């Protein structure tokens, strides 16, 4: 069983209404949590795919791709790679 943590968020009233409509008689928290899980999964998969693409092309210009990889990691908020 996962541990739940209560947080407070402020969202646009139109989005809140849509979340409540989706939830129906269920939990609005579960609707928001599911949406966030899906978004985080897509983000994680996109980052992994980008890393794969950079690695596949790294052999063409190792120094250029090292600079590109570092820039992309900074833009995505990833830690710098160990040297």
PDB file of N, CA and C in Angstrom:
ATOM      1  N   UNK A   1       0.839  -1.177   0.000  1.00  0.00           N
ATOM      2  CA  UNK A   1       0.000   0.000   0.000  1.00  0.00           C
ATOM      3  C   UNK A   1       0.885   1.241   0.000  1.00  0.00           C
ATOM      4  N   UNK A   2       0.573   2.188  -0.889  1.00  0.00           N
ATOM      5  CA  UNK A   2       1.393   3.395  -0.956  1.00  0.00           C
ATOM      6  C   UNK A   2       0.953   4.401   0.100  1.00  0.00           C
ATOM      7  N   UNK A   3       1.911   5.183   0.524  1.00  0.00           N
ATOM      8  CA  UNK A   3       1.644   6.225   1.506  1.00  0.00           C
ATOM      9  C   UNK A   3       1.135   7.452   0.756  1.00  0.00           C
ATOM     10  N   UNK A   4       0.075   8.025   1.246  1.00  0.00           N
ATOM     11  CA  UNK A   4      -0.503   9.217   0.622  1.00  0.00           C
ATOM     12  C   UNK A   4      -0.063  10.441   1.404  1.00  0.00           C
ATOM     13  N   UNK A   5       0.121  11.525   0.679  1.00  0.00           N
ATOM     14  CA  UNK A   5       0.480  12.788   1.309  1.00  0.00           C
ATOM     15  C   UNK A   5      -0.493  13.849   0.829  1.00  0.00           C
ATOM     16  N   UNK A   6      -1.002  14.598   1.749  1.00  0.00           N
ATOM     17  CA  UNK A   6      -1.940  15.668   1.414  1.00  0.00           C
ATOM     18  C   UNK A   6      -1.152  16.904   0.989  1.00  0.00           C
ATOM     19  N   UNK A   7      -1.535  17.471  -0.163  1.00  0.00           N
ATOM     20  CA  UNK A   7      -0.956  18.724  -0.625  1.00  0.00           C
ATOM     21  C   UNK A   7      -2.094  19.647  -1.039  1.00  0.00           C
ATOM     22  N   UNK A   8      -1.794  20.904  -1.153  1.00  0.00           N
ATOM     23  CA  UNK A   8      -2.782  21.873  -1.602  1.00  0.00           C
ATOM     24  C   UNK A   8      -2.307  22.453  -2.916  1.00  0.00           C
ATOM     25  N   UNK A   9      -3.188  22.471  -3.900  1.00  0.00           N
ATOM     26  CA  UNK A   9      -2.867  23.070  -5.191  1.00  0.00           C
ATOM     27  C   UNK A   9      -3.969  24.043  -5.559  1.00  0.00           C
ATOM     28  N   UNK A  10      -3.615  25.042  -6.326  1.00  0.00           N
ATOM     29  CA  UNK A  10      -4.600  26.004  -6.822  1.00  0.00           C
ATOM     30  C   UNK A  10      -4.641  25.856  -8.330  1.00  0.00           C
ATOM     31  N   UNK A  11      -5.836  25.615  -8.866  1.00  0.00           N
ATOM     32  CA  UNK A  11      -5.978  25.434 -10.306  1.00  0.00           C
ATOM     33  C   UNK A  11      -7.120  26.296 -10.830  1.00  0.00           C
ATOM     34  N   UNK A  12      -7.113  26.479 -12.111  1.00  0.00           N
ATOM     35  CA  UNK A  12      -8.142  27.243 -12.788  1.00  0.00           C
ATOM     36  C   UNK A  12      -9.519  26.627 -12.508  1.00  0.00           C
ATOM     37  N   UNK A  13     -10.519  27.473 -12.324  1.00  0.00           N
ATOM     38  CA  UNK A  13     -11.854  26.978 -11.976  1.00  0.00           C
ATOM     39  C   UNK A  13     -12.458  26.105 -13.073  1.00  0.00           C
ATOM     40  N   UNK A  14     -12.133  26.383 -14.325  1.00  0.00           N
ATOM     41  CA  UNK A  14     -12.653  25.541 -15.417  1.00  0.00           C
ATOM     42  C   UNK A  14     -12.067  24.138 -15.349  1.00  0.00           C
ATOM     43  N   UNK A  15     -10.782  24.046 -15.036  1.00  0.00           N
ATOM     44  CA  UNK A  15     -10.147  22.735 -14.902  1.00  0.00           C
ATOM     45  C   UNK A  15     -10.717  22.000 -13.700  1.00  0.00           C
ATOM     46  N   UNK A  16     -10.930  22.718 -12.600  1.00  0.00           N
ATOM     47  CA  UNK A  16     -11.516  22.100 -11.401  1.00  0.00           C
ATOM     48  C   UNK A  16     -12.884  21.518 -11.719  1.00  0.00           C
ATOM     49  N   UNK A  17     -13.674  22.242 -12.474  1.00  0.00           N
ATOM     50  CA  UNK A  17     -15.012  21.758 -12.829  1.00  0.00           C
ATOM     51  C   UNK A  17     -14.921  20.489 -13.679  1.00  0.00           C
ATOM     52  N   UNK A  18     -13.968  20.461 -14.594  1.00  0.00           N
ATOM     53  CA  UNK A  18     -13.803  19.270 -15.436  1.00  0.00           C
ATOM     54  C   UNK A  18     -13.334  18.075 -14.623  1.00  0.00           C
ATOM     55  N   UNK A  19     -12.458  18.312 -13.661  1.00  0.00           N
ATOM     56  CA  UNK A  19     -11.988  17.221 -12.795  1.00  0.00           C
ATOM     57  C   UNK A  19     -13.150  16.664 -11.981  1.00  0.00           C
ATOM     58  N   UNK A  20     -13.961  17.557 -11.426  1.00  0.00           N
ATOM     59  CA  UNK A  20     -15.121  17.109 -10.643  1.00  0.00           C
ATOM     60  C   UNK A  20     -16.098  16.329 -11.510  1.00  0.00           C
ATOM     61  N   UNK A  21     -16.265  16.765 -12.751  1.00  0.00           N
ATOM     62  CA  UNK A  21     -17.163  16.052 -13.671  1.00  0.00           C
ATOM     63  C   UNK A  21     -16.621  14.659 -13.977  1.00  0.00           C
ATOM     64  N   UNK A  22     -15.314  14.577 -14.222  1.00  0.00           N
ATOM     65  CA  UNK A  22     -14.702  13.268 -14.477  1.00  0.00           C
ATOM     66  C   UNK A  22     -14.830  12.348 -13.274  1.00  0.00           C
ATOM     67  N   UNK A  23     -14.672  12.898 -12.095  1.00  0.00           N
ATOM     68  CA  UNK A  23     -14.714  12.093 -10.877  1.00  0.00           C
ATOM     69  C   UNK A  23     -16.117  11.595 -10.576  1.00  0.00           C
ATOM     70  N   UNK A  24     -17.113  12.372 -10.986  1.00  0.00           N
ATOM     71  CA  UNK A  24     -18.484  11.987 -10.667  1.00  0.00           C
ATOM     72  C   UNK A  24     -18.663  11.868  -9.170  1.00  0.00           C
ATOM     73  N   UNK A  25     -19.090  10.687  -8.729  1.00  0.00           N
ATOM     74  CA  UNK A  25     -19.253  10.455  -7.288  1.00  0.00           C
ATOM     75  C   UNK A  25     -17.967   9.923  -6.657  1.00  0.00           C
ATOM     76  N   UNK A  26     -16.925   9.801  -7.478  1.00  0.00           N
ATOM     77  CA  UNK A  26     -15.649   9.288  -6.975  1.00  0.00           C
ATOM     78  C   UNK A  26     -14.772  10.400  -6.418  1.00  0.00           C
ATOM     79  N   UNK A  27     -13.528  10.080  -6.283  1.00  0.00           N
ATOM     80  CA  UNK A  27     -12.562  10.979  -5.664  1.00  0.00           C
ATOM     81  C   UNK A  27     -11.899  11.886  -6.699  1.00  0.00           C
ATOM     82  N   UNK A  28     -11.945  13.191  -6.458  1.00  0.00           N
ATOM     83  CA  UNK A  28     -11.227  14.110  -7.341  1.00  0.00           C
ATOM     84  C   UNK A  28      -9.721  13.883  -7.209  1.00  0.00           C
ATOM     85  N   UNK A  29      -9.278  13.521  -6.031  1.00  0.00           N
ATOM     86  CA  UNK A  29      -7.853  13.243  -5.825  1.00  0.00           C
ATOM     87  C   UNK A  29      -7.375  12.115  -6.723  1.00  0.00           C
ATOM     88  N   UNK A  30      -8.190  11.079  -6.883  1.00  0.00           N
ATOM     89  CA  UNK A  30      -7.778   9.949  -7.720  1.00  0.00           C
ATOM     90  C   UNK A  30      -7.685  10.360  -9.189  1.00  0.00           C
ATOM     91  N   UNK A  31      -8.565  11.248  -9.643  1.00  0.00           N
ATOM     92  CA  UNK A  31      -8.510  11.734 -11.017  1.00  0.00           C
ATOM     93  C   UNK A  31      -7.225  12.524 -11.231  1.00  0.00           C
ATOM     94  N   UNK A  32      -6.915  13.418 -10.307  1.00  0.00           N
ATOM     95  CA  UNK A  32      -5.700  14.237 -10.414  1.00  0.00           C
ATOM     96  C   UNK A  32      -4.464  13.350 -10.326  1.00  0.00           C
ATOM     97  N   UNK A  33      -4.445  12.412  -9.405  1.00  0.00           N
ATOM     98  CA  UNK A  33      -3.291  11.536  -9.254  1.00  0.00           C
ATOM     99  C   UNK A  33      -3.052  10.721 -10.517  1.00  0.00           C
ATOM    100  N   UNK A  34      -4.115  10.181 -11.104  1.00  0.00           N
ATOM    101  CA  UNK A  34      -3.974   9.400 -12.341  1.00  0.00           C
ATOM    102  C   UNK A  34      -3.410  10.264 -13.457  1.00  0.00           C
ATOM    103  N   UNK A  35      -3.915  11.480 -13.609  1.00  0.00           N
ATOM    104  CA  UNK A  35      -3.428  12.377 -14.656  1.00  0.00           C
ATOM    105  C   UNK A  35      -1.950  12.707 -14.444  1.00  0.00           C
ATOM    106  N   UNK A  36      -1.571  12.966 -13.204  1.00  0.00           N
ATOM    107  CA  UNK A  36      -0.171  13.278 -12.913  1.00  0.00           C
ATOM    108  C   UNK A  36       0.735  12.078 -13.138  1.00  0.00           C
ATOM    109  N   UNK A  37       0.266  10.885 -12.766  1.00  0.00           N
ATOM    110  CA  UNK A  37       1.063   9.682 -13.022  1.00  0.00           C
ATOM    111  C   UNK A  37       1.308   9.503 -14.512  1.00  0.00           C
ATOM    112  N   UNK A  38       0.256   9.697 -15.323  1.00  0.00           N
ATOM    113  CA  UNK A  38       0.391   9.568 -16.775  1.00  0.00           C
ATOM    114  C   UNK A  38       1.365  10.613 -17.324  1.00  0.00           C
ATOM    115  N   UNK A  39       1.271  11.848 -16.849  1.00  0.00           N
ATOM    116  CA  UNK A  39       2.160  12.900 -17.306  1.00  0.00           C
ATOM    117  C   UNK A  39       3.612  12.582 -16.924  1.00  0.00           C
ATOM    118  N   UNK A  40       3.826  12.135 -15.698  1.00  0.00           N
ATOM    119  CA  UNK A  40       5.173  11.810 -15.253  1.00  0.00           C
ATOM    120  C   UNK A  40       5.758  10.637 -16.037  1.00  0.00           C
ATOM    121  N   UNK A  41       4.935   9.659 -16.365  1.00  0.00           N
ATOM    122  CA  UNK A  41       5.390   8.522 -17.170  1.00  0.00           C
ATOM    123  C   UNK A  41       5.789   8.986 -18.566  1.00  0.00           C
ATOM    124  N   UNK A  42       4.960   9.828 -19.192  1.00  0.00           N
ATOM    125  CA  UNK A  42       5.301  10.357 -20.522  1.00  0.00           C
ATOM    126  C   UNK A  42       6.599  11.148 -20.472  1.00  0.00           C
ATOM    127  N   UNK A  43       6.762  11.965 -19.445  1.00  0.00           N
ATOM    128  CA  UNK A  43       7.973  12.770 -19.303  1.00  0.00           C
ATOM    129  C   UNK A  43       9.199  11.877 -19.128  1.00  0.00           C
ATOM    130  N   UNK A  44       9.076  10.877 -18.269  1.00  0.00           N
ATOM    131  CA  UNK A  44      10.189   9.944 -18.024  1.00  0.00           C
ATOM    132  C   UNK A  44      10.546   9.188 -19.308  1.00  0.00           C
ATOM    133  N   UNK A  45       9.535   8.743 -20.054  1.00  0.00           N
ATOM    134  CA  UNK A  45       9.782   8.015 -21.301  1.00  0.00           C
ATOM    135  C   UNK A  45      10.422   8.911 -22.357  1.00  0.00           C
ATOM    136  N   UNK A  46       9.980  10.165 -22.428  1.00  0.00           N
ATOM    137  CA  UNK A  46      10.560  11.107 -23.392  1.00  0.00           C
ATOM    138  C   UNK A  46      12.023  11.362 -23.065  1.00  0.00           C
ATOM    139  N   UNK A  47      12.333  11.522 -21.787  1.00  0.00           N
ATOM    140  CA  UNK A  47      13.727  11.738 -21.398  1.00  0.00           C
ATOM    141  C   UNK A  47      14.580  10.523 -21.746  1.00  0.00           C
ATOM    142  N   UNK A  48      14.063   9.335 -21.487  1.00  0.00           N
ATOM    143  CA  UNK A  48      14.815   8.114 -21.787  1.00  0.00           C
ATOM    144  C   UNK A  48      15.043   7.983 -23.288  1.00  0.00           C
ATOM    145  N   UNK A  49      14.012   8.277 -24.073  1.00  0.00           N
ATOM    146  CA  UNK A  49      14.141   8.186 -25.540  1.00  0.00           C
ATOM    147  C   UNK A  49      15.157   9.197 -26.053  1.00  0.00           C
ATOM    148  N   UNK A  50      15.147  10.393 -25.519  1.00  0.00           N
ATOM    149  CA  UNK A  50      16.118  11.404 -25.911  1.00  0.00           C
ATOM    150  C   UNK A  50      17.532  10.941 -25.598  1.00  0.00           C
ATOM    151  N   UNK A  51      17.717  10.367 -24.434  1.00  0.00           N
ATOM    152  CA  UNK A  51      19.032   9.833 -24.070  1.00  0.00           C
ATOM    153  C   UNK A  51      19.461   8.739 -25.046  1.00  0.00           C
ATOM    154  N   UNK A  52      18.534   7.872 -25.435  1.00  0.00           N
ATOM    155  CA  UNK A  52      18.848   6.811 -26.393  1.00  0.00           C
ATOM    156  C   UNK A  52      19.257   7.392 -27.740  1.00  0.00           C
ATOM    157  N   UNK A  53      18.517   8.404 -28.189  1.00  0.00           N
ATOM    158  CA  UNK A  53      18.823   9.015 -29.478  1.00  0.00           C
ATOM    159  C   UNK A  53      20.196   9.685 -29.460  1.00  0.00           C
ATOM    160  N   UNK A  54      20.500  10.403 -28.396  1.00  0.00           N
ATOM    161  CA  UNK A  54      21.812  11.042 -28.297  1.00  0.00           C
ATOM    162  C   UNK A  54      22.925  10.000 -28.271  1.00  0.00           C
ATOM    163  N   UNK A  55      22.718   8.928 -27.523  1.00  0.00           N
ATOM    164  CA  UNK A  55      23.732   7.884 -27.428  1.00  0.00           C
ATOM    165  C   UNK A  55      23.952   7.216 -28.786  1.00  0.00           C
ATOM    166  N   UNK A  56      22.880   7.023 -29.547  1.00  0.00           N
ATOM    167  CA  UNK A  56      22.989   6.367 -30.846  1.00  0.00           C
ATOM    168  C   UNK A  56      23.804   7.192 -31.837  1.00  0.00           C
ATOM    169  N   UNK A  57      23.773   8.503 -31.694  1.00  0.00           N
ATOM    170  CA  UNK A  57      24.470   9.381 -32.633  1.00  0.00           C
ATOM    171  C   UNK A  57      25.774   9.946 -32.085  1.00  0.00           C
ATOM    172  N   UNK A  58      26.090   9.599 -30.873  1.00  0.00           N
ATOM    173  CA  UNK A  58      27.256  10.167 -30.210  1.00  0.00           C
ATOM    174  C   UNK A  58      28.562   9.858 -30.951  1.00  0.00           C
ATOM    175  N   UNK A  59      28.622   8.721 -31.584  1.00  0.00           N
ATOM    176  CA  UNK A  59      29.862   8.308 -32.243  1.00  0.00           C
ATOM    177  C   UNK A  59      30.235   9.219 -33.414  1.00  0.00           C
ATOM    178  N   UNK A  60      29.277   9.926 -34.009  1.00  0.00           N
ATOM    179  CA  UNK A  60      29.559  10.794 -35.161  1.00  0.00           C
ATOM    180  C   UNK A  60      30.409  12.002 -34.770  1.00  0.00           C
ATOM    181  N   UNK A  61      30.107  12.605 -33.634  1.00  0.00           N
ATOM    182  CA  UNK A  61      30.822  13.806 -33.173  1.00  0.00           C
ATOM    183  C   UNK A  61      30.808  13.784 -31.653  1.00  0.00           C
ATOM    184  N   UNK A  62      31.698  13.008 -31.061  1.00  0.00           N
ATOM    185  CA  UNK A  62      31.663  12.833 -29.613  1.00  0.00           C
ATOM    186  C   UNK A  62      31.676  14.134 -28.822  1.00  0.00           C
ATOM    187  N   UNK A  63      32.518  15.090 -29.209  1.00  0.00           N
ATOM    188  CA  UNK A  63      32.594  16.347 -28.466  1.00  0.00           C
ATOM    189  C   UNK A  63      31.318  17.169 -28.644  1.00  0.00           C
ATOM    190  N   UNK A  64      30.813  17.243 -29.866  1.00  0.00           N
ATOM    191  CA  UNK A  64      29.579  17.992 -30.131  1.00  0.00           C
ATOM    192  C   UNK A  64      28.394  17.388 -29.394  1.00  0.00           C
ATOM    193  N   UNK A  65      28.327  16.068 -29.411  1.00  0.00           N
ATOM    194  CA  UNK A  65      27.215  15.428 -28.724  1.00  0.00           C
ATOM    195  C   UNK A  65      27.352  15.512 -27.211  1.00  0.00           C
ATOM    196  N   UNK A  66      28.568  15.558 -26.714  1.00  0.00           N
ATOM    197  CA  UNK A  66      28.754  15.744 -25.270  1.00  0.00           C
ATOM    198  C   UNK A  66      28.211  17.112 -24.857  1.00  0.00           C
ATOM    199  N   UNK A  67      28.478  18.136 -25.671  1.00  0.00           N
ATOM    200  CA  UNK A  67      27.935  19.469 -25.375  1.00  0.00           C
ATOM    201  C   UNK A  67      26.411  19.460 -25.462  1.00  0.00           C
ATOM    202  N   UNK A  68      25.874  18.809 -26.507  1.00  0.00           N
ATOM    203  CA  UNK A  68      24.415  18.745 -26.668  1.00  0.00           C
ATOM    204  C   UNK A  68      23.763  18.003 -25.505  1.00  0.00           C
ATOM    205  N   UNK A  69      24.363  16.892 -25.119  1.00  0.00           N
ATOM    206  CA  UNK A  69      23.823  16.091 -24.013  1.00  0.00           C
ATOM    207  C   UNK A  69      23.803  16.916 -22.725  1.00  0.00           C
ATOM    208  N   UNK A  70      24.887  17.631 -22.461  1.00  0.00           N
ATOM    209  CA  UNK A  70      24.948  18.447 -21.245  1.00  0.00           C
ATOM    210  C   UNK A  70      23.886  19.544 -21.276  1.00  0.00           C
ATOM    211  N   UNK A  71      23.709  20.169 -22.429  1.00  0.00           N
ATOM    212  CA  UNK A  71      22.703  21.227 -22.549  1.00  0.00           C
ATOM    213  C   UNK A  71      21.292  20.673 -22.334  1.00  0.00           C
ATOM    214  N   UNK A  72      21.001  19.552 -22.942  1.00  0.00           N
ATOM    215  CA  UNK A  72      19.675  18.947 -22.793  1.00  0.00           C
ATOM    216  C   UNK A  72      19.434  18.529 -21.353  1.00  0.00           C
ATOM    217  N   UNK A  73      20.436  17.945 -20.711  1.00  0.00           N
ATOM    218  CA  UNK A  73      20.284  17.536 -19.311  1.00  0.00           C
ATOM    219  C   UNK A  73      19.990  18.744 -18.435  1.00  0.00           C
ATOM    220  N   UNK A  74      20.672  19.870 -18.691  1.00  0.00           N
ATOM    221  CA  UNK A  74      20.407  21.092 -17.921  1.00  0.00           C
ATOM    222  C   UNK A  74      18.977  21.557 -18.154  1.00  0.00           C
ATOM    223  N   UNK A  75      18.537  21.550 -19.413  1.00  0.00           N
ATOM    224  CA  UNK A  75      17.187  22.003 -19.740  1.00  0.00           C
ATOM    225  C   UNK A  75      16.119  21.124 -19.104  1.00  0.00           C
ATOM    226  N   UNK A  76      16.403  19.846 -18.967  1.00  0.00           N
ATOM    227  CA  UNK A  76      15.442  18.918 -18.361  1.00  0.00           C
ATOM    228  C   UNK A  76      15.570  18.850 -16.840  1.00  0.00           C
ATOM    229  N   UNK A  77      16.557  19.552 -16.303  1.00  0.00           N
ATOM    230  CA  UNK A  77      16.742  19.537 -14.856  1.00  0.00           C
ATOM    231  C   UNK A  77      17.375  18.264 -14.345  1.00  0.00           C
ATOM    232  N   UNK A  78      18.098  17.555 -15.205  1.00  0.00           N
ATOM    233  CA  UNK A  78      18.760  16.323 -14.792  1.00  0.00           C
ATOM    234  C   UNK A  78      20.132  16.650 -14.223  1.00  0.00           C
ATOM    235  N   UNK A  79      20.626  15.830 -13.324  1.00  0.00           N
ATOM    236  CA  UNK A  79      21.961  16.090 -12.779  1.00  0.00           C
ATOM    237  C   UNK A  79      23.029  15.887 -13.855  1.00  0.00           C
ATOM    238  N   UNK A  80      24.161  16.553 -13.667  1.00  0.00           N
ATOM    239  CA  UNK A  80      25.269  16.367 -14.605  1.00  0.00           C
ATOM    240  C   UNK A  80      25.769  14.940 -14.497  1.00  0.00           C
ATOM    241  N   UNK A  81      26.260  14.435 -15.619  1.00  0.00           N
ATOM    242  CA  UNK A  81      26.795  13.082 -15.621  1.00  0.00           C
ATOM    243  C   UNK A  81      28.164  13.060 -14.955  1.00  0.00           C
ATOM    244  N   UNK A  82      28.448  11.970 -14.261  1.00  0.00           N
ATOM    245  CA  UNK A  82      29.765  11.809 -13.640  1.00  0.00           C
ATOM    246  C   UNK A  82      30.798  11.642 -14.737  1.00  0.00           C
ATOM    247  N   UNK A  83      31.967  12.195 -14.499  1.00  0.00           N
ATOM    248  CA  UNK A  83      33.023  12.114 -15.529  1.00  0.00           C
ATOM    249  C   UNK A  83      33.972  11.002 -15.254  1.00  0.00           C
TER     250      UNK A  83
END
